[in-house]
Amino acid sequence: MPTDIDVYYKSVSDNNSNNVLEVIAKLKSPNAKLNQKTIIVARHGKPALNRKVWLNSDEYIDWWQKYDEGGLVPEQNVPRKLLNAVARSEEIIASPLRRAVETAERVAGDRKFILDEVFVEAPLPPPNLPKFLKLTPRMWGFVARCTWYIGLHGEQESHEDAKIRAKKAADKLVALNEEKGTVSLLAHGWFNRMMRPHLKAHGYECVYDGGDFHWSYRIYQKGE
């Protein structure tokens, strides 16, 4: 008779065409650490919106709005390592932005997950530079993040307010971890990093650092 974890991986495999037999074998290993509180924080998959364009500041604002409204490149395979990490979670959470929701759908399979706006990405409002100056979205992201840090945020959330939200978000993950057990979050690269010092303040150590690429994740643990 199939176990819950077998059924979970079958649903994920059917949805994403992933061979997960190796993952299931690892999950059933008796060496799995079950005596530590665990929080998994992952970045969404690769978005579909084209980044190979040159934009002025006004065009970048429009581009970023489309980025927030858009989803993922179709038919991406979820990395088996991420499936492995999330499989033992008692609670799966996602940012309500579409790219995070689609990531959660592909990772969770038939399992339910919850959405929470506290985990949305920190904004990237560009400075009002001359309109003849055109940069790629990646370049604008770097410029906008730097100017956002020094207080140029327009009518959007400031760096100081985002730091307050990051603490609130980390506190929420810790509370869910205490109440439910292992928690997995599917969200965004920059805001995920902003939660790191707050998780550390709660006594969580980053025991696995997968970097900041799409589908990457970090595992935080706290001993009992």
Protein backbone atom coordinates (compact mmCIF):
# COMPACT_ATOMS: atom_id res chain seq x y z
CA MET A 1 0.00 0.00 0.00
CA PRO A 2 1.54 3.38 -0.95
CA THR A 3 2.55 5.75 1.81
CA ASP A 4 1.63 9.44 1.94
CA ILE A 5 5.09 10.38 0.67
CA ASP A 6 4.75 7.93 -2.24
CA VAL A 7 1.44 9.49 -3.22
CA TYR A 8 2.93 12.99 -2.91
CA TYR A 9 5.84 12.20 -5.18
CA LYS A 10 3.62 10.45 -7.70
CA SER A 11 1.49 13.61 -7.97
CA VAL A 12 4.55 15.83 -8.36
CA SER A 13 6.13 13.44 -10.86
CA ASP A 14 2.95 13.24 -12.94
CA ASN A 15 2.69 17.02 -13.03
CA ASN A 16 6.34 17.74 -13.80
CA SER A 17 7.68 14.62 -15.56
CA ASN A 18 10.43 14.15 -12.95
CA ASN A 19 11.96 10.81 -12.06
CA VAL A 20 11.85 10.98 -8.27
CA LEU A 21 12.74 7.42 -7.28
CA GLU A 22 16.15 8.49 -6.00
CA VAL A 23 14.53 11.25 -3.96
CA ILE A 24 12.06 8.86 -2.35
CA ALA A 25 14.92 6.52 -1.41
CA LYS A 26 16.79 9.35 0.29
CA LEU A 27 13.68 10.48 2.16
CA LYS A 28 13.21 7.00 3.59
CA SER A 29 16.78 6.92 4.85
CA PRO A 30 16.99 6.32 8.62
CA ASN A 31 19.72 8.98 8.79
CA ALA A 32 17.26 11.83 8.20
CA LYS A 33 17.46 14.50 10.91
CA LEU A 34 14.10 14.56 12.65
CA ASN A 35 15.11 16.26 15.90
CA GLN A 36 15.71 19.73 14.49
CA LYS A 37 13.29 22.50 13.67
CA THR A 38 13.58 23.19 9.94
CA ILE A 39 12.60 26.07 7.68
CA ILE A 40 13.21 25.88 3.91
CA VAL A 41 13.28 29.16 1.98
CA ALA A 42 13.28 28.85 -1.82
CA ARG A 43 13.33 31.23 -4.76
CA HIS A 44 10.78 30.89 -7.56
CA GLY A 45 11.50 29.28 -10.93
CA LYS A 46 12.60 31.12 -14.05
CA PRO A 47 10.06 33.76 -15.18
CA ALA A 48 8.90 33.88 -18.76
CA LEU A 49 9.28 37.64 -19.29
CA ASN A 50 12.09 38.57 -21.68
CA ARG A 51 15.11 40.17 -19.97
CA LYS A 52 17.05 40.82 -23.17
CA VAL A 53 15.61 44.28 -23.77
CA TRP A 54 16.88 47.84 -23.35
CA LEU A 55 14.62 50.18 -21.40
CA ASN A 56 14.55 53.70 -20.00
CA SER A 57 13.34 54.27 -16.44
CA ASP A 58 9.66 54.63 -17.38
CA GLU A 59 9.80 51.52 -19.55
CA TYR A 60 11.47 49.62 -16.71
CA ILE A 61 8.56 50.50 -14.39
CA ASP A 62 6.17 48.97 -16.94
CA TRP A 63 8.47 45.97 -17.38
CA TRP A 64 8.58 45.34 -13.62
CA GLN A 65 4.80 45.46 -13.40
CA LYS A 66 4.57 42.83 -16.13
CA TYR A 67 7.22 40.82 -14.26
CA ASP A 68 5.09 40.84 -11.12
CA GLU A 69 1.99 39.88 -13.09
CA GLY A 70 3.70 37.21 -15.19
CA GLY A 71 4.37 33.54 -14.63
CA LEU A 72 7.13 31.05 -15.30
CA VAL A 73 8.68 29.69 -18.46
CA PRO A 74 6.40 26.73 -19.34
CA GLU A 75 7.41 23.11 -18.76
CA GLN A 76 10.31 23.74 -16.41
CA ASN A 77 11.34 20.69 -14.43
CA VAL A 78 11.49 21.18 -10.68
CA PRO A 79 14.96 20.22 -9.42
CA ARG A 80 14.81 16.95 -7.53
CA LYS A 81 16.89 18.45 -4.72
CA LEU A 82 14.16 21.01 -4.10
CA LEU A 83 11.47 18.32 -4.13
CA ASN A 84 13.58 16.38 -1.67
CA ALA A 85 13.90 19.38 0.62
CA VAL A 86 10.19 20.27 0.59
CA ALA A 87 8.81 16.73 0.83
CA ARG A 88 8.83 16.50 4.62
CA SER A 89 7.17 19.88 5.13
CA GLU A 90 4.03 20.04 7.20
CA GLU A 91 3.28 23.52 5.83
CA ILE A 92 4.01 25.04 2.40
CA ILE A 93 3.70 28.80 1.93
CA ALA A 94 4.09 31.05 -1.12
CA SER A 95 4.11 34.69 -2.01
CA PRO A 96 0.90 35.57 -3.87
CA LEU A 97 2.82 36.92 -6.88
CA ARG A 98 2.16 34.71 -9.87
CA ARG A 99 5.74 33.48 -10.37
CA ALA A 100 5.82 32.26 -6.76
CA VAL A 101 2.35 30.71 -6.97
CA GLU A 102 3.28 28.74 -10.10
CA THR A 103 6.48 27.63 -8.38
CA ALA A 104 4.50 26.39 -5.39
CA GLU A 105 2.07 24.55 -7.66
CA ARG A 106 4.93 22.69 -9.32
CA VAL A 107 6.68 21.88 -6.06
CA ALA A 108 3.61 20.96 -4.01
CA GLY A 109 1.88 18.75 -6.54
CA ASP A 110 -1.54 17.89 -5.09
CA ARG A 111 -0.69 19.23 -1.65
CA LYS A 112 -2.33 22.44 -0.47
CA PHE A 113 -0.30 25.56 0.21
CA ILE A 114 -1.13 28.95 1.65
CA LEU A 115 -0.47 32.43 0.24
CA ASP A 116 0.73 35.35 2.32
CA GLU A 117 1.50 38.87 1.11
CA VAL A 118 4.10 39.41 3.81
CA PHE A 119 6.50 37.37 1.64
CA VAL A 120 6.25 39.40 -1.61
CA GLU A 121 9.46 40.74 -3.12
CA ALA A 122 10.96 44.04 -1.99
CA PRO A 123 10.23 46.71 -4.62
CA LEU A 124 12.68 47.94 -7.25
CA PRO A 125 11.66 51.53 -8.09
CA PRO A 126 14.17 52.98 -10.58
CA PRO A 127 15.59 56.47 -10.13
CA ASN A 128 14.24 59.08 -12.55
CA LEU A 129 17.18 59.18 -14.96
CA PRO A 130 17.23 60.88 -18.40
CA LYS A 131 14.97 59.07 -20.84
CA PHE A 132 17.71 58.63 -23.41
CA LEU A 133 19.54 56.34 -20.98
CA LYS A 134 18.55 52.73 -21.59
CA LEU A 135 19.63 49.70 -19.57
CA THR A 136 18.70 46.04 -19.46
CA PRO A 137 16.36 44.86 -16.68
CA ARG A 138 19.31 43.28 -14.89
CA MET A 139 21.21 46.59 -14.95
CA TRP A 140 18.13 48.49 -13.81
CA GLY A 141 17.71 46.01 -10.98
CA PHE A 142 21.20 46.76 -9.70
CA VAL A 143 20.79 50.54 -10.01
CA ALA A 144 17.31 50.52 -8.48
CA ARG A 145 18.37 48.35 -5.54
CA CYS A 146 21.29 50.67 -4.77
CA THR A 147 19.19 53.83 -4.88
CA TRP A 148 16.39 52.11 -2.91
CA TYR A 149 18.91 51.39 -0.17
CA ILE A 150 19.80 55.06 0.18
CA GLY A 151 16.18 56.15 0.43
CA LEU A 152 14.95 56.75 -3.14
CA HIS A 153 11.77 54.71 -3.16
CA GLY A 154 9.14 57.07 -4.62
CA GLU A 155 5.68 56.02 -3.50
CA GLN A 156 6.69 52.40 -2.97
CA GLU A 157 7.80 50.56 0.16
CA SER A 158 11.02 51.97 1.60
CA HIS A 159 14.07 49.95 2.61
CA GLU A 160 13.32 50.66 6.28
CA ASP A 161 9.72 49.48 5.92
CA ALA A 162 10.87 46.37 4.04
CA LYS A 163 13.24 45.54 6.90
CA ILE A 164 10.34 45.73 9.33
CA ARG A 165 8.31 43.46 7.04
CA ALA A 166 11.23 41.02 6.76
CA LYS A 167 11.32 40.66 10.55
CA LYS A 168 7.56 40.11 10.61
CA ALA A 169 7.90 37.51 7.85
CA ALA A 170 10.70 35.67 9.65
CA ASP A 171 8.72 35.73 12.88
CA LYS A 172 5.78 34.19 11.02
CA LEU A 173 7.94 31.36 9.64
CA VAL A 174 9.31 30.65 13.11
CA ALA A 175 5.84 30.64 14.64
CA LEU A 176 4.57 28.24 11.96
CA ASN A 177 7.63 26.04 12.48
CA GLU A 178 6.87 25.90 16.21
CA GLU A 179 3.19 25.13 15.64
CA LYS A 180 3.13 22.94 12.52
CA GLY A 181 6.61 21.46 12.09
CA THR A 182 8.85 21.79 9.03
CA VAL A 183 7.88 24.78 6.88
CA SER A 184 8.76 25.52 3.24
CA LEU A 185 8.46 28.96 1.64
CA LEU A 186 8.41 29.59 -2.14
CA ALA A 187 9.09 33.29 -2.64
CA HIS A 188 11.69 35.76 -3.95
CA GLY A 189 15.44 36.18 -4.04
CA TRP A 190 16.04 39.55 -2.39
CA PHE A 191 13.35 39.45 0.28
CA ASN A 192 14.34 35.89 1.17
CA ARG A 193 17.83 37.23 1.95
CA MET A 194 16.38 40.04 4.03
CA MET A 195 14.87 37.46 6.38
CA ARG A 196 18.20 35.73 7.02
CA PRO A 197 19.44 37.88 9.94
CA HIS A 198 16.06 37.62 11.64
CA LEU A 199 16.02 33.83 11.34
CA LYS A 200 19.55 33.83 12.75
CA ALA A 201 18.36 35.98 15.67
CA HIS A 202 15.82 33.25 16.43
CA GLY A 203 18.66 30.72 16.64
CA TYR A 204 18.34 29.19 13.17
CA GLU A 205 21.54 28.26 11.34
CA CYS A 206 21.76 28.06 7.55
CA VAL A 207 22.86 24.43 7.15
CA TYR A 208 22.49 24.38 3.36
CA ASP A 209 23.00 27.37 1.06
CA GLY A 210 21.93 26.76 -2.52
CA GLY A 211 22.64 30.30 -3.70
CA ASP A 212 20.35 32.79 -5.38
CA PHE A 213 19.51 31.29 -8.77
CA HIS A 214 16.00 30.35 -9.86
CA TRP A 215 14.75 27.25 -7.99
CA SER A 216 17.54 27.67 -5.42
CA TYR A 217 16.86 27.27 -1.71
CA ARG A 218 18.37 27.50 1.74
CA ILE A 219 17.70 25.26 4.73
CA TYR A 220 17.65 26.75 8.21
CA GLN A 221 17.69 24.53 11.28
CA LYS A 222 17.48 25.00 15.02
CA GLY A 223 18.26 22.23 17.45
CA GLU A 224 15.64 21.15 19.96
